[in-house]
């Protein structure tokens, strides 16, 4: 995501900064997606994070990456 006229600034916004934007994608088989894309060179901020409900039941996995321009990409396991 880039502005051509007027040109974009240097960027560098953290994903949790107020006003930060990102693209989110639902992924059906998260572990396979993570392994395949990591093998092809996609670098993630961290290994997948497991989101659990108050009872400790796994709800979904989530991981962040950045595109070549530094835009944040969020990958969310779909159920």
PDB file of N, CA and C in Angstrom:
ATOM      1  N   UNK A   1       0.869  -1.160   0.000  1.00  0.00           N
ATOM      2  CA  UNK A   1       0.000   0.000   0.000  1.00  0.00           C
ATOM      3  C   UNK A   1       0.907   1.210   0.000  1.00  0.00           C
ATOM      4  N   UNK A   2       0.765   2.025  -1.017  1.00  0.00           N
ATOM      5  CA  UNK A   2       1.688   3.141  -1.162  1.00  0.00           C
ATOM      6  C   UNK A   2       0.989   4.291  -1.862  1.00  0.00           C
ATOM      7  N   UNK A   3       1.254   5.503  -1.418  1.00  0.00           N
ATOM      8  CA  UNK A   3       0.746   6.689  -2.076  1.00  0.00           C
ATOM      9  C   UNK A   3       1.780   7.180  -3.074  1.00  0.00           C
ATOM     10  N   UNK A   4       1.354   7.412  -4.298  1.00  0.00           N
ATOM     11  CA  UNK A   4       2.257   7.891  -5.337  1.00  0.00           C
ATOM     12  C   UNK A   4       2.321   9.414  -5.321  1.00  0.00           C
ATOM     13  N   UNK A   5       1.166  10.074  -5.209  1.00  0.00           N
ATOM     14  CA  UNK A   5       1.137  11.536  -5.227  1.00  0.00           C
ATOM     15  C   UNK A   5       0.101  12.014  -4.222  1.00  0.00           C
ATOM     16  N   UNK A   6       0.503  12.655  -3.156  1.00  0.00           N
ATOM     17  CA  UNK A   6       1.887  12.903  -2.761  1.00  0.00           C
ATOM     18  C   UNK A   6       2.542  11.604  -2.284  1.00  0.00           C
ATOM     19  N   UNK A   7       3.867  11.551  -2.376  1.00  0.00           N
ATOM     20  CA  UNK A   7       4.579  10.316  -2.018  1.00  0.00           C
ATOM     21  C   UNK A   7       4.406   9.948  -0.541  1.00  0.00           C
ATOM     22  N   UNK A   8       4.440   8.648  -0.278  1.00  0.00           N
ATOM     23  CA  UNK A   8       4.368   8.139   1.091  1.00  0.00           C
ATOM     24  C   UNK A   8       5.601   8.544   1.883  1.00  0.00           C
ATOM     25  N   UNK A   9       5.433   8.603   3.193  1.00  0.00           N
ATOM     26  CA  UNK A   9       6.560   8.837   4.081  1.00  0.00           C
ATOM     27  C   UNK A   9       7.335   7.546   4.273  1.00  0.00           C
ATOM     28  N   UNK A  10       8.267   7.550   5.213  1.00  0.00           N
ATOM     29  CA  UNK A  10       9.135   6.384   5.384  1.00  0.00           C
ATOM     30  C   UNK A  10       8.450   5.161   5.987  1.00  0.00           C
ATOM     31  N   UNK A  11       7.266   5.314   6.582  1.00  0.00           N
ATOM     32  CA  UNK A  11       6.588   4.151   7.177  1.00  0.00           C
ATOM     33  C   UNK A  11       7.184   3.810   8.527  1.00  0.00           C
ATOM     34  N   UNK A  12       7.279   2.517   8.818  1.00  0.00           N
ATOM     35  CA  UNK A  12       7.854   2.073  10.086  1.00  0.00           C
ATOM     36  C   UNK A  12       6.845   1.990  11.204  1.00  0.00           C
ATOM     37  N   UNK A  13       5.557   1.913  10.901  1.00  0.00           N
ATOM     38  CA  UNK A  13       4.527   1.818  11.930  1.00  0.00           C
ATOM     39  C   UNK A  13       4.462   0.396  12.466  1.00  0.00           C
ATOM     40  N   UNK A  14       4.376   0.276  13.766  1.00  0.00           N
ATOM     41  CA  UNK A  14       4.209  -1.044  14.381  1.00  0.00           C
ATOM     42  C   UNK A  14       2.766  -1.488  14.254  1.00  0.00           C
ATOM     43  N   UNK A  15       2.533  -2.779  14.180  1.00  0.00           N
ATOM     44  CA  UNK A  15       1.189  -3.298  13.930  1.00  0.00           C
ATOM     45  C   UNK A  15       0.194  -2.938  15.013  1.00  0.00           C
ATOM     46  N   UNK A  16       0.662  -2.657  16.227  1.00  0.00           N
ATOM     47  CA  UNK A  16      -0.245  -2.318  17.319  1.00  0.00           C
ATOM     48  C   UNK A  16      -0.319  -0.810  17.582  1.00  0.00           C
ATOM     49  N   UNK A  17       0.269   0.027  16.714  1.00  0.00           N
ATOM     50  CA  UNK A  17       0.171   1.482  16.857  1.00  0.00           C
ATOM     51  C   UNK A  17      -1.228   1.943  16.463  1.00  0.00           C
ATOM     52  N   UNK A  18      -1.744   2.928  17.168  1.00  0.00           N
ATOM     53  CA  UNK A  18      -3.023   3.516  16.827  1.00  0.00           C
ATOM     54  C   UNK A  18      -2.977   4.028  15.397  1.00  0.00           C
ATOM     55  N   UNK A  19      -3.952   3.663  14.609  1.00  0.00           N
ATOM     56  CA  UNK A  19      -4.004   4.097  13.215  1.00  0.00           C
ATOM     57  C   UNK A  19      -3.297   3.172  12.244  1.00  0.00           C
ATOM     58  N   UNK A  20      -2.613   2.156  12.750  1.00  0.00           N
ATOM     59  CA  UNK A  20      -1.917   1.219  11.867  1.00  0.00           C
ATOM     60  C   UNK A  20      -2.943   0.391  11.095  1.00  0.00           C
ATOM     61  N   UNK A  21      -2.626   0.097   9.864  1.00  0.00           N
ATOM     62  CA  UNK A  21      -3.504  -0.752   9.059  1.00  0.00           C
ATOM     63  C   UNK A  21      -2.765  -2.025   8.688  1.00  0.00           C
ATOM     64  N   UNK A  22      -3.526  -3.049   8.373  1.00  0.00           N
ATOM     65  CA  UNK A  22      -2.926  -4.295   7.916  1.00  0.00           C
ATOM     66  C   UNK A  22      -3.965  -5.076   7.123  1.00  0.00           C
ATOM     67  N   UNK A  23      -3.497  -6.017   6.369  1.00  0.00           N
ATOM     68  CA  UNK A  23      -4.379  -6.936   5.657  1.00  0.00           C
ATOM     69  C   UNK A  23      -4.440  -8.226   6.451  1.00  0.00           C
ATOM     70  N   UNK A  24      -5.630  -8.786   6.556  1.00  0.00           N
ATOM     71  CA  UNK A  24      -5.791 -10.050   7.268  1.00  0.00           C
ATOM     72  C   UNK A  24      -6.322 -11.098   6.305  1.00  0.00           C
ATOM     73  N   UNK A  25      -5.791 -12.302   6.431  1.00  0.00           N
ATOM     74  CA  UNK A  25      -6.184 -13.417   5.577  1.00  0.00           C
ATOM     75  C   UNK A  25      -6.574 -14.598   6.462  1.00  0.00           C
ATOM     76  N   UNK A  26      -7.693 -15.244   6.138  1.00  0.00           N
ATOM     77  CA  UNK A  26      -8.063 -16.472   6.824  1.00  0.00           C
ATOM     78  C   UNK A  26      -7.388 -17.643   6.131  1.00  0.00           C
ATOM     79  N   UNK A  27      -6.832 -18.548   6.929  1.00  0.00           N
ATOM     80  CA  UNK A  27      -6.092 -19.706   6.435  1.00  0.00           C
ATOM     81  C   UNK A  27      -6.767 -20.959   6.985  1.00  0.00           C
ATOM     82  N   UNK A  28      -7.092 -21.906   6.110  1.00  0.00           N
ATOM     83  CA  UNK A  28      -7.844 -23.092   6.552  1.00  0.00           C
ATOM     84  C   UNK A  28      -6.982 -24.130   7.266  1.00  0.00           C
ATOM     85  N   UNK A  29      -5.818 -24.456   6.761  1.00  0.00           N
ATOM     86  CA  UNK A  29      -4.944 -25.454   7.397  1.00  0.00           C
ATOM     87  C   UNK A  29      -3.678 -24.702   7.831  1.00  0.00           C
ATOM     88  N   UNK A  30      -3.749 -24.122   9.024  1.00  0.00           N
ATOM     89  CA  UNK A  30      -2.735 -23.155   9.438  1.00  0.00           C
ATOM     90  C   UNK A  30      -1.333 -23.745   9.522  1.00  0.00           C
ATOM     91  N   UNK A  31      -1.180 -24.894  10.136  1.00  0.00           N
ATOM     92  CA  UNK A  31       0.160 -25.465  10.305  1.00  0.00           C
ATOM     93  C   UNK A  31       0.816 -25.748   8.953  1.00  0.00           C
ATOM     94  N   UNK A  32       0.044 -26.247   7.999  1.00  0.00           N
ATOM     95  CA  UNK A  32       0.573 -26.500   6.663  1.00  0.00           C
ATOM     96  C   UNK A  32       0.934 -25.184   5.974  1.00  0.00           C
ATOM     97  N   UNK A  33       0.046 -24.188   6.064  1.00  0.00           N
ATOM     98  CA  UNK A  33       0.322 -22.871   5.475  1.00  0.00           C
ATOM     99  C   UNK A  33       1.614 -22.284   6.048  1.00  0.00           C
ATOM    100  N   UNK A  34       1.745 -22.325   7.363  1.00  0.00           N
ATOM    101  CA  UNK A  34       2.925 -21.755   8.028  1.00  0.00           C
ATOM    102  C   UNK A  34       4.194 -22.474   7.569  1.00  0.00           C
ATOM    103  N   UNK A  35       4.169 -23.795   7.538  1.00  0.00           N
ATOM    104  CA  UNK A  35       5.347 -24.576   7.121  1.00  0.00           C
ATOM    105  C   UNK A  35       5.692 -24.296   5.656  1.00  0.00           C
ATOM    106  N   UNK A  36       4.680 -24.332   4.785  1.00  0.00           N
ATOM    107  CA  UNK A  36       4.923 -24.117   3.353  1.00  0.00           C
ATOM    108  C   UNK A  36       5.459 -22.727   3.055  1.00  0.00           C
ATOM    109  N   UNK A  37       4.827 -21.704   3.621  1.00  0.00           N
ATOM    110  CA  UNK A  37       5.257 -20.334   3.317  1.00  0.00           C
ATOM    111  C   UNK A  37       6.598 -20.008   3.982  1.00  0.00           C
ATOM    112  N   UNK A  38       6.854 -20.567   5.144  1.00  0.00           N
ATOM    113  CA  UNK A  38       8.169 -20.369   5.784  1.00  0.00           C
ATOM    114  C   UNK A  38       9.270 -20.979   4.928  1.00  0.00           C
ATOM    115  N   UNK A  39       9.001 -22.164   4.396  1.00  0.00           N
ATOM    116  CA  UNK A  39       9.976 -22.849   3.544  1.00  0.00           C
ATOM    117  C   UNK A  39      10.257 -22.045   2.268  1.00  0.00           C
ATOM    118  N   UNK A  40       9.240 -21.324   1.788  1.00  0.00           N
ATOM    119  CA  UNK A  40       9.399 -20.511   0.570  1.00  0.00           C
ATOM    120  C   UNK A  40       9.962 -19.127   0.856  1.00  0.00           C
ATOM    121  N   UNK A  41      10.267 -18.822   2.116  1.00  0.00           N
ATOM    122  CA  UNK A  41      10.951 -17.581   2.435  1.00  0.00           C
ATOM    123  C   UNK A  41      10.138 -16.511   3.129  1.00  0.00           C
ATOM    124  N   UNK A  42       8.846 -16.755   3.401  1.00  0.00           N
ATOM    125  CA  UNK A  42       8.073 -15.764   4.134  1.00  0.00           C
ATOM    126  C   UNK A  42       8.554 -15.762   5.576  1.00  0.00           C
ATOM    127  N   UNK A  43       8.940 -14.602   6.061  1.00  0.00           N
ATOM    128  CA  UNK A  43       9.460 -14.480   7.422  1.00  0.00           C
ATOM    129  C   UNK A  43       8.358 -13.949   8.324  1.00  0.00           C
ATOM    130  N   UNK A  44       8.093 -14.663   9.393  1.00  0.00           N
ATOM    131  CA  UNK A  44       7.053 -14.286  10.337  1.00  0.00           C
ATOM    132  C   UNK A  44       7.670 -13.579  11.535  1.00  0.00           C
ATOM    133  N   UNK A  45       6.866 -12.731  12.169  1.00  0.00           N
ATOM    134  CA  UNK A  45       7.312 -12.012  13.362  1.00  0.00           C
ATOM    135  C   UNK A  45       7.646 -12.988  14.480  1.00  0.00           C
ATOM    136  N   UNK A  46       6.883 -14.069  14.574  1.00  0.00           N
ATOM    137  CA  UNK A  46       7.093 -15.110  15.591  1.00  0.00           C
ATOM    138  C   UNK A  46       6.409 -16.369  15.092  1.00  0.00           C
ATOM    139  N   UNK A  47       6.643 -17.490  15.760  1.00  0.00           N
ATOM    140  CA  UNK A  47       5.853 -18.683  15.433  1.00  0.00           C
ATOM    141  C   UNK A  47       4.374 -18.382  15.695  1.00  0.00           C
ATOM    142  N   UNK A  48       3.459 -19.190  15.156  1.00  0.00           N
ATOM    143  CA  UNK A  48       2.037 -18.944  15.384  1.00  0.00           C
ATOM    144  C   UNK A  48       1.696 -18.852  16.875  1.00  0.00           C
ATOM    145  N   UNK A  49       0.820 -17.912  17.182  1.00  0.00           N
ATOM    146  CA  UNK A  49       0.342 -17.721  18.550  1.00  0.00           C
ATOM    147  C   UNK A  49      -1.023 -18.391  18.652  1.00  0.00           C
ATOM    148  N   UNK A  50      -1.218 -19.156  19.702  1.00  0.00           N
ATOM    149  CA  UNK A  50      -2.497 -19.828  19.914  1.00  0.00           C
ATOM    150  C   UNK A  50      -3.411 -18.931  20.746  1.00  0.00           C
ATOM    151  N   UNK A  51      -4.588 -18.647  20.216  1.00  0.00           N
ATOM    152  CA  UNK A  51      -5.608 -17.879  20.940  1.00  0.00           C
ATOM    153  C   UNK A  51      -6.571 -18.869  21.565  1.00  0.00           C
ATOM    154  N   UNK A  52      -6.746 -18.761  22.881  1.00  0.00           N
ATOM    155  CA  UNK A  52      -7.600 -19.696  23.616  1.00  0.00           C
ATOM    156  C   UNK A  52      -8.718 -18.935  24.320  1.00  0.00           C
ATOM    157  N   UNK A  53      -9.824 -19.623  24.556  1.00  0.00           N
ATOM    158  CA  UNK A  53     -10.921 -19.001  25.291  1.00  0.00           C
ATOM    159  C   UNK A  53     -10.643 -19.095  26.793  1.00  0.00           C
ATOM    160  N   UNK A  54     -11.577 -18.624  27.604  1.00  0.00           N
ATOM    161  CA  UNK A  54     -11.391 -18.605  29.060  1.00  0.00           C
ATOM    162  C   UNK A  54     -11.239 -19.993  29.661  1.00  0.00           C
ATOM    163  N   UNK A  55     -11.703 -21.026  28.970  1.00  0.00           N
ATOM    164  CA  UNK A  55     -11.583 -22.402  29.459  1.00  0.00           C
ATOM    165  C   UNK A  55     -10.302 -23.069  28.981  1.00  0.00           C
ATOM    166  N   UNK A  56      -9.502 -22.358  28.196  1.00  0.00           N
ATOM    167  CA  UNK A  56      -8.257 -22.927  27.692  1.00  0.00           C
ATOM    168  C   UNK A  56      -8.405 -23.684  26.389  1.00  0.00           C
ATOM    169  N   UNK A  57      -9.590 -23.664  25.803  1.00  0.00           N
ATOM    170  CA  UNK A  57      -9.831 -24.361  24.543  1.00  0.00           C
ATOM    171  C   UNK A  57      -9.247 -23.545  23.391  1.00  0.00           C
ATOM    172  N   UNK A  58      -8.488 -24.205  22.538  1.00  0.00           N
ATOM    173  CA  UNK A  58      -7.893 -23.530  21.388  1.00  0.00           C
ATOM    174  C   UNK A  58      -8.978 -22.994  20.473  1.00  0.00           C
ATOM    175  N   UNK A  59      -8.916 -21.712  20.161  1.00  0.00           N
ATOM    176  CA  UNK A  59      -9.885 -21.089  19.264  1.00  0.00           C
ATOM    177  C   UNK A  59      -9.326 -20.952  17.851  1.00  0.00           C
ATOM    178  N   UNK A  60      -8.071 -20.520  17.759  1.00  0.00           N
ATOM    179  CA  UNK A  60      -7.426 -20.361  16.458  1.00  0.00           C
ATOM    180  C   UNK A  60      -5.960 -19.998  16.651  1.00  0.00           C
ATOM    181  N   UNK A  61      -5.195 -20.090  15.564  1.00  0.00           N
ATOM    182  CA  UNK A  61      -3.800 -19.673  15.561  1.00  0.00           C
ATOM    183  C   UNK A  61      -3.679 -18.408  14.716  1.00  0.00           C
ATOM    184  N   UNK A  62      -2.719 -17.563  15.088  1.00  0.00           N
ATOM    185  CA  UNK A  62      -2.515 -16.288  14.412  1.00  0.00           C
ATOM    186  C   UNK A  62      -1.023 -16.061  14.242  1.00  0.00           C
ATOM    187  N   UNK A  63      -0.631 -15.457  13.111  1.00  0.00           N
ATOM    188  CA  UNK A  63       0.773 -15.086  12.898  1.00  0.00           C
ATOM    189  C   UNK A  63       0.822 -13.816  12.043  1.00  0.00           C
ATOM    190  N   UNK A  64       1.835 -13.008  12.272  1.00  0.00           N
ATOM    191  CA  UNK A  64       2.051 -11.781  11.514  1.00  0.00           C
ATOM    192  C   UNK A  64       3.317 -11.882  10.680  1.00  0.00           C
ATOM    193  N   UNK A  65       3.284 -11.212   9.553  1.00  0.00           N
ATOM    194  CA  UNK A  65       4.442 -11.078   8.670  1.00  0.00           C
ATOM    195  C   UNK A  65       4.372  -9.683   8.051  1.00  0.00           C
ATOM    196  N   UNK A  66       5.346  -9.352   7.230  1.00  0.00           N
ATOM    197  CA  UNK A  66       5.322  -8.097   6.493  1.00  0.00           C
ATOM    198  C   UNK A  66       5.607  -8.381   5.029  1.00  0.00           C
ATOM    199  N   UNK A  67       4.983  -7.577   4.162  1.00  0.00           N
ATOM    200  CA  UNK A  67       5.286  -7.700   2.739  1.00  0.00           C
ATOM    201  C   UNK A  67       6.599  -6.968   2.456  1.00  0.00           C
ATOM    202  N   UNK A  68       7.112  -7.003   1.234  1.00  0.00           N
ATOM    203  CA  UNK A  68       8.400  -6.355   0.936  1.00  0.00           C
ATOM    204  C   UNK A  68       8.427  -4.850   1.207  1.00  0.00           C
ATOM    205  N   UNK A  69       7.255  -4.200   1.222  1.00  0.00           N
ATOM    206  CA  UNK A  69       7.190  -2.762   1.506  1.00  0.00           C
ATOM    207  C   UNK A  69       7.004  -2.463   2.986  1.00  0.00           C
ATOM    208  N   UNK A  70       6.927  -3.491   3.817  1.00  0.00           N
ATOM    209  CA  UNK A  70       6.776  -3.292   5.257  1.00  0.00           C
ATOM    210  C   UNK A  70       5.337  -3.252   5.737  1.00  0.00           C
ATOM    211  N   UNK A  71       4.362  -3.495   4.855  1.00  0.00           N
ATOM    212  CA  UNK A  71       2.966  -3.536   5.290  1.00  0.00           C
ATOM    213  C   UNK A  71       2.728  -4.804   6.107  1.00  0.00           C
ATOM    214  N   UNK A  72       1.967  -4.666   7.189  1.00  0.00           N
ATOM    215  CA  UNK A  72       1.697  -5.812   8.049  1.00  0.00           C
ATOM    216  C   UNK A  72       0.656  -6.721   7.432  1.00  0.00           C
ATOM    217  N   UNK A  73       0.889  -8.013   7.536  1.00  0.00           N
ATOM    218  CA  UNK A  73      -0.011  -9.052   7.066  1.00  0.00           C
ATOM    219  C   UNK A  73      -0.340  -9.949   8.249  1.00  0.00           C
ATOM    220  N   UNK A  74      -1.613 -10.185   8.482  1.00  0.00           N
ATOM    221  CA  UNK A  74      -2.044 -11.056   9.573  1.00  0.00           C
ATOM    222  C   UNK A  74      -2.676 -12.299   8.964  1.00  0.00           C
ATOM    223  N   UNK A  75      -2.289 -13.448   9.464  1.00  0.00           N
ATOM    224  CA  UNK A  75      -2.833 -14.718   8.995  1.00  0.00           C
ATOM    225  C   UNK A  75      -3.562 -15.354  10.186  1.00  0.00           C
ATOM    226  N   UNK A  76      -4.855 -15.671   9.977  1.00  0.00           N
ATOM    227  CA  UNK A  76      -5.725 -16.135  11.042  1.00  0.00           C
ATOM    228  C   UNK A  76      -6.291 -17.491  10.655  1.00  0.00           C
ATOM    229  N   UNK A  77      -6.181 -18.451  11.549  1.00  0.00           N
ATOM    230  CA  UNK A  77      -6.737 -19.771  11.268  1.00  0.00           C
ATOM    231  C   UNK A  77      -8.257 -19.691  11.215  1.00  0.00           C
ATOM    232  N   UNK A  78      -8.833 -20.216  10.146  1.00  0.00           N
ATOM    233  CA  UNK A  78     -10.287 -20.242   9.979  1.00  0.00           C
ATOM    234  C   UNK A  78     -10.828 -21.583  10.472  1.00  0.00           C
ATOM    235  N   UNK A  79     -11.946 -21.533  11.134  1.00  0.00           N
ATOM    236  CA  UNK A  79     -12.607 -22.756  11.598  1.00  0.00           C
ATOM    237  C   UNK A  79     -13.927 -22.911  10.897  1.00  0.00           C
TER     238      UNK A  79
END
